[in-house]
């Protein structure tokens, strides 16, 4: 990822996090860390989506088991 792309990606993440706060659903520390990891390791969009989808599946199955 080019340096300019990296700054654009970070700016988008910060704007999205701000919108989440406005909506009363702020990102927690683990979510922020996850998005920072995506940027740092330059994960492509498809890999990011697959990772998030898997986290959702794991949380859903853990909640269903309770």
N, C-alpha and C. Protein backbone atom coordinates (compact mmCIF):
# COMPACT_ATOMS: atom_id res chain seq x y z
N UNK A 1 0.85 -1.17 0.00
CA UNK A 1 0.00 0.00 0.00
C UNK A 1 0.89 1.23 0.00
N UNK A 2 0.57 2.16 -0.87
CA UNK A 2 1.34 3.39 -0.98
C UNK A 2 1.13 4.24 0.27
N UNK A 3 2.12 5.07 0.62
CA UNK A 3 1.96 5.92 1.82
C UNK A 3 0.67 6.75 1.79
N UNK A 4 0.31 7.29 0.64
CA UNK A 4 -0.91 8.09 0.54
C UNK A 4 -2.14 7.23 0.80
N UNK A 5 -2.16 6.00 0.28
CA UNK A 5 -3.28 5.09 0.53
C UNK A 5 -3.41 4.79 2.01
N UNK A 6 -2.28 4.62 2.67
CA UNK A 6 -2.27 4.33 4.10
C UNK A 6 -2.89 5.46 4.89
N UNK A 7 -2.56 6.70 4.55
CA UNK A 7 -3.13 7.84 5.28
C UNK A 7 -4.62 7.98 4.99
N UNK A 8 -5.04 7.66 3.76
CA UNK A 8 -6.46 7.70 3.42
C UNK A 8 -7.21 6.64 4.22
N UNK A 9 -6.65 5.45 4.29
CA UNK A 9 -7.27 4.35 5.05
C UNK A 9 -7.39 4.72 6.52
N UNK A 10 -6.34 5.29 7.09
CA UNK A 10 -6.38 5.69 8.50
C UNK A 10 -7.43 6.78 8.71
N UNK A 11 -7.49 7.75 7.82
CA UNK A 11 -8.48 8.82 7.95
C UNK A 11 -9.90 8.26 7.89
N UNK A 12 -10.13 7.31 7.01
CA UNK A 12 -11.46 6.69 6.92
C UNK A 12 -11.80 5.95 8.20
N UNK A 13 -10.81 5.25 8.77
CA UNK A 13 -11.06 4.53 10.02
C UNK A 13 -11.40 5.49 11.14
N UNK A 14 -10.67 6.59 11.23
CA UNK A 14 -10.94 7.57 12.28
C UNK A 14 -12.33 8.20 12.11
N UNK A 15 -12.71 8.49 10.87
CA UNK A 15 -14.04 9.05 10.62
C UNK A 15 -15.13 8.04 10.98
N UNK A 16 -14.91 6.77 10.62
CA UNK A 16 -15.89 5.73 10.94
C UNK A 16 -16.02 5.56 12.46
N UNK A 17 -14.90 5.59 13.16
CA UNK A 17 -14.93 5.46 14.61
C UNK A 17 -15.70 6.64 15.23
N UNK A 18 -15.49 7.82 14.68
CA UNK A 18 -16.20 9.00 15.18
C UNK A 18 -17.71 8.85 14.96
N UNK A 19 -18.10 8.37 13.78
CA UNK A 19 -19.52 8.16 13.51
C UNK A 19 -20.12 7.12 14.46
N UNK A 20 -19.36 6.08 14.77
CA UNK A 20 -19.83 5.07 15.72
C UNK A 20 -20.08 5.72 17.09
N UNK A 21 -19.18 6.62 17.50
CA UNK A 21 -19.37 7.32 18.77
C UNK A 21 -20.63 8.17 18.75
N UNK A 22 -20.84 8.90 17.66
CA UNK A 22 -22.03 9.75 17.52
C UNK A 22 -23.29 8.90 17.64
N UNK A 23 -23.27 7.71 17.07
CA UNK A 23 -24.43 6.81 17.10
C UNK A 23 -24.59 6.09 18.43
N UNK A 24 -23.67 6.35 19.37
CA UNK A 24 -23.77 5.73 20.68
C UNK A 24 -23.25 4.30 20.71
N UNK A 25 -22.44 3.93 19.73
CA UNK A 25 -21.89 2.59 19.63
C UNK A 25 -20.38 2.67 19.36
N UNK A 26 -19.63 3.23 20.34
CA UNK A 26 -18.20 3.43 20.08
C UNK A 26 -17.45 2.10 19.98
N UNK A 27 -16.38 2.13 19.21
CA UNK A 27 -15.52 0.95 19.10
C UNK A 27 -14.82 0.73 20.43
N UNK A 28 -14.67 -0.54 20.82
CA UNK A 28 -13.91 -0.82 22.04
C UNK A 28 -12.43 -1.01 21.67
N UNK A 29 -11.61 -1.18 22.68
CA UNK A 29 -10.16 -1.25 22.46
C UNK A 29 -9.78 -2.40 21.54
N UNK A 30 -10.45 -3.54 21.64
CA UNK A 30 -10.09 -4.68 20.79
C UNK A 30 -10.49 -4.42 19.33
N UNK A 31 -11.58 -3.72 19.12
CA UNK A 31 -11.98 -3.39 17.75
C UNK A 31 -11.02 -2.39 17.12
N UNK A 32 -10.63 -1.39 17.88
CA UNK A 32 -9.65 -0.41 17.39
C UNK A 32 -8.35 -1.13 17.05
N UNK A 33 -7.90 -2.01 17.93
CA UNK A 33 -6.65 -2.76 17.69
C UNK A 33 -6.77 -3.60 16.42
N UNK A 34 -7.93 -4.20 16.19
CA UNK A 34 -8.13 -5.02 15.00
C UNK A 34 -7.97 -4.17 13.74
N UNK A 35 -8.63 -3.02 13.70
CA UNK A 35 -8.54 -2.17 12.51
C UNK A 35 -7.13 -1.61 12.33
N UNK A 36 -6.44 -1.31 13.41
CA UNK A 36 -5.05 -0.86 13.31
C UNK A 36 -4.17 -1.97 12.76
N UNK A 37 -4.43 -3.22 13.16
CA UNK A 37 -3.69 -4.36 12.64
C UNK A 37 -3.91 -4.49 11.14
N UNK A 38 -5.16 -4.35 10.70
CA UNK A 38 -5.45 -4.42 9.27
C UNK A 38 -4.61 -3.42 8.50
N UNK A 39 -4.54 -2.20 9.02
CA UNK A 39 -3.77 -1.16 8.35
C UNK A 39 -2.27 -1.47 8.38
N UNK A 40 -1.78 -1.82 9.56
CA UNK A 40 -0.35 -2.07 9.73
C UNK A 40 0.12 -3.22 8.84
N UNK A 41 -0.68 -4.29 8.78
CA UNK A 41 -0.30 -5.47 8.00
C UNK A 41 -0.81 -5.42 6.56
N UNK A 42 -1.49 -4.32 6.23
CA UNK A 42 -1.97 -4.07 4.87
C UNK A 42 -2.83 -5.22 4.32
N UNK A 43 -3.77 -5.64 5.13
CA UNK A 43 -4.67 -6.71 4.70
C UNK A 43 -5.58 -6.19 3.59
N UNK A 44 -5.80 -6.98 2.54
CA UNK A 44 -6.76 -6.58 1.51
C UNK A 44 -8.19 -6.67 2.06
N UNK A 45 -9.10 -5.98 1.42
CA UNK A 45 -10.49 -5.90 1.89
C UNK A 45 -11.13 -7.27 2.08
N UNK A 46 -10.93 -8.17 1.14
CA UNK A 46 -11.56 -9.50 1.23
C UNK A 46 -11.09 -10.24 2.48
N UNK A 47 -9.81 -10.17 2.77
CA UNK A 47 -9.28 -10.85 3.96
C UNK A 47 -9.85 -10.22 5.23
N UNK A 48 -9.97 -8.88 5.24
CA UNK A 48 -10.55 -8.20 6.40
C UNK A 48 -11.98 -8.65 6.63
N UNK A 49 -12.77 -8.68 5.54
CA UNK A 49 -14.17 -9.10 5.66
C UNK A 49 -14.30 -10.53 6.15
N UNK A 50 -13.46 -11.42 5.64
CA UNK A 50 -13.49 -12.82 6.08
C UNK A 50 -13.13 -12.94 7.56
N UNK A 51 -12.14 -12.18 8.00
CA UNK A 51 -11.73 -12.20 9.40
C UNK A 51 -12.87 -11.73 10.31
N UNK A 52 -13.51 -10.62 9.93
CA UNK A 52 -14.61 -10.08 10.73
C UNK A 52 -15.79 -11.05 10.74
N UNK A 53 -16.10 -11.62 9.59
CA UNK A 53 -17.21 -12.59 9.51
C UNK A 53 -16.94 -13.79 10.42
N UNK A 54 -15.72 -14.25 10.45
CA UNK A 54 -15.38 -15.39 11.31
C UNK A 54 -15.52 -15.01 12.78
N UNK A 55 -15.10 -13.81 13.15
CA UNK A 55 -15.26 -13.35 14.54
C UNK A 55 -16.74 -13.31 14.92
N UNK A 56 -17.57 -12.84 14.01
CA UNK A 56 -19.02 -12.78 14.27
C UNK A 56 -19.57 -14.19 14.46
N UNK A 57 -19.15 -15.13 13.59
CA UNK A 57 -19.62 -16.53 13.72
C UNK A 57 -19.20 -17.11 15.07
N UNK A 58 -17.97 -16.86 15.47
CA UNK A 58 -17.50 -17.39 16.75
C UNK A 58 -18.27 -16.80 17.93
N UNK A 59 -18.51 -15.49 17.89
CA UNK A 59 -19.28 -14.85 18.97
C UNK A 59 -20.71 -15.36 19.00
N UNK A 60 -21.30 -15.53 17.84
CA UNK A 60 -22.68 -16.02 17.78
C UNK A 60 -22.79 -17.43 18.33
N UNK A 61 -21.83 -18.28 17.97
CA UNK A 61 -21.89 -19.65 18.47
C UNK A 61 -21.60 -19.71 19.97
N UNK A 62 -20.74 -18.84 20.45
CA UNK A 62 -20.46 -18.79 21.89
C UNK A 62 -21.71 -18.30 22.66
N UNK A 63 -22.39 -17.31 22.11
CA UNK A 63 -23.60 -16.81 22.75
C UNK A 63 -24.73 -17.84 22.70
N UNK A 64 -24.80 -18.60 21.62
CA UNK A 64 -25.83 -19.62 21.50
C UNK A 64 -25.60 -20.77 22.49
N UNK A 65 -24.34 -21.00 22.83
CA UNK A 65 -24.02 -22.08 23.75
C UNK A 65 -24.36 -21.73 25.19
N UNK A 66 -24.54 -20.45 25.47
CA UNK A 66 -24.84 -20.03 26.85
C UNK A 66 -26.23 -20.33 27.27
